[in-house]
Amino acid sequence: MAAKVNRRVDSLNLGQRVVLIVAWAGILRAAGSHIVGPSGPFADDWFAYAPNTQETFVPPGLGSFGSALVWMALTVVWAAFSAWLLKSGPRPPTAEGR
């Protein structure tokens, strides 16, 4: 299966590869926003409102450090995919291959 994927990727030109990289960035951005956002898997449905009080409660979640780790991990995934996609491709013929 890996060989089939590599052959398919090798047939793409540079413009198509760039479009795939930008699309992958959008997908990871949406996933990251869902993970660290207020409706993500680490948030509960309480919206931090207590009537007739002067207090605001912060619902549990990832926090700033956890959010930073999620974004760093997604950035590494995006960079690795981009490097793999831009590195692969049809190789120009060498002097030996002529």
Protein backbone atom coordinates (compact mmCIF):
# COMPACT_ATOMS: atom_id res chain seq x y z
CA MET A 1 0.00 0.00 0.00
CA ALA A 2 2.87 2.37 0.78
CA ALA A 3 4.28 1.89 -2.70
CA LYS A 4 0.90 2.75 -4.19
CA VAL A 5 0.72 5.97 -2.14
CA ASN A 6 4.27 6.89 -3.11
CA ARG A 7 3.50 6.35 -6.80
CA ARG A 8 0.39 8.50 -6.49
CA VAL A 9 2.30 11.28 -4.73
CA ASP A 10 5.11 11.09 -7.27
CA SER A 11 2.61 11.84 -10.03
CA LEU A 12 1.60 15.19 -8.46
CA ASN A 13 3.19 18.41 -9.67
CA LEU A 14 4.45 21.12 -7.31
CA GLY A 15 1.23 23.14 -7.40
CA GLN A 16 -0.86 20.13 -6.43
CA ARG A 17 1.52 19.36 -3.59
CA VAL A 18 1.26 22.90 -2.25
CA VAL A 19 -2.54 22.68 -2.36
CA LEU A 20 -2.37 19.43 -0.36
CA ILE A 21 -0.09 21.07 2.22
CA VAL A 22 -2.42 24.05 2.64
CA ALA A 23 -5.45 21.75 2.90
CA TRP A 24 -3.68 19.62 5.52
CA ALA A 25 -2.88 22.79 7.47
CA GLY A 26 -6.56 23.74 7.43
CA ILE A 27 -7.60 20.28 8.63
CA LEU A 28 -5.06 20.37 11.47
CA ARG A 29 -6.13 23.92 12.38
CA ALA A 30 -9.75 22.82 12.68
CA ALA A 31 -8.76 19.77 14.73
CA GLY A 32 -6.58 21.87 17.01
CA SER A 33 -9.30 24.45 17.52
CA HIS A 34 -11.71 21.70 18.46
CA ILE A 35 -9.26 20.09 20.89
CA VAL A 36 -8.31 23.26 22.76
CA GLY A 37 -11.56 25.18 22.24
CA PRO A 38 -14.41 25.61 24.67
CA SER A 39 -16.38 22.76 23.10
CA GLY A 40 -13.45 20.37 22.86
CA PRO A 41 -13.04 16.97 24.47
CA PHE A 42 -11.38 18.45 27.58
CA ALA A 43 -14.13 20.96 28.34
CA ASP A 44 -17.42 20.39 30.05
CA ASP A 45 -20.69 22.06 29.10
CA TRP A 46 -20.78 24.48 31.99
CA PHE A 47 -20.43 28.04 30.73
CA ALA A 48 -18.98 29.73 33.87
CA TYR A 49 -22.02 31.72 34.96
CA ALA A 50 -23.32 31.82 38.50
CA PRO A 51 -26.46 33.95 38.81
CA ASN A 52 -26.75 36.43 41.71
CA THR A 53 -23.05 36.23 42.54
CA GLN A 54 -20.03 38.30 41.73
CA GLU A 55 -17.91 35.25 40.90
CA THR A 56 -16.86 33.82 37.59
CA PHE A 57 -15.64 30.25 37.52
CA VAL A 58 -13.18 28.93 35.00
CA PRO A 59 -14.19 25.49 33.73
CA PRO A 60 -11.51 22.81 33.70
CA GLY A 61 -9.65 22.33 30.47
CA LEU A 62 -6.20 22.02 29.04
CA GLY A 63 -4.86 25.35 30.22
CA SER A 64 -2.29 27.40 28.41
CA PHE A 65 0.53 24.86 28.71
CA GLY A 66 -1.63 22.01 27.43
CA SER A 67 -2.88 24.15 24.56
CA ALA A 68 0.68 25.06 23.62
CA LEU A 69 1.65 21.37 23.61
CA VAL A 70 -1.29 20.50 21.36
CA TRP A 71 -0.41 23.26 18.88
CA MET A 72 3.28 22.31 18.90
CA ALA A 73 2.44 18.66 18.22
CA LEU A 74 0.09 19.59 15.36
CA THR A 75 2.77 21.89 13.91
CA VAL A 76 5.32 19.07 13.99
CA VAL A 77 2.85 16.74 12.24
CA TRP A 78 2.20 19.39 9.57
CA ALA A 79 5.92 20.09 9.06
CA ALA A 80 6.77 16.39 8.77
CA PHE A 81 3.98 15.81 6.25
CA SER A 82 5.04 18.86 4.25
CA ALA A 83 8.70 17.84 4.21
CA TRP A 84 7.78 14.32 3.09
CA LEU A 85 5.44 15.60 0.40
CA LEU A 86 7.89 18.16 -1.00
CA LYS A 87 10.87 15.83 -0.79
CA SER A 88 9.23 13.03 -2.71
CA GLY A 89 8.72 13.33 -6.40
CA PRO A 90 10.02 12.14 -9.70
CA ARG A 91 13.78 12.30 -9.65
CA PRO A 92 15.52 13.99 -12.56
CA PRO A 93 17.51 11.59 -14.71
CA THR A 94 21.16 11.31 -13.76
CA ALA A 95 24.09 10.91 -16.09
CA GLU A 96 24.11 7.18 -15.32
CA GLY A 97 20.39 6.78 -16.08
CA ARG A 98 20.53 8.15 -19.61
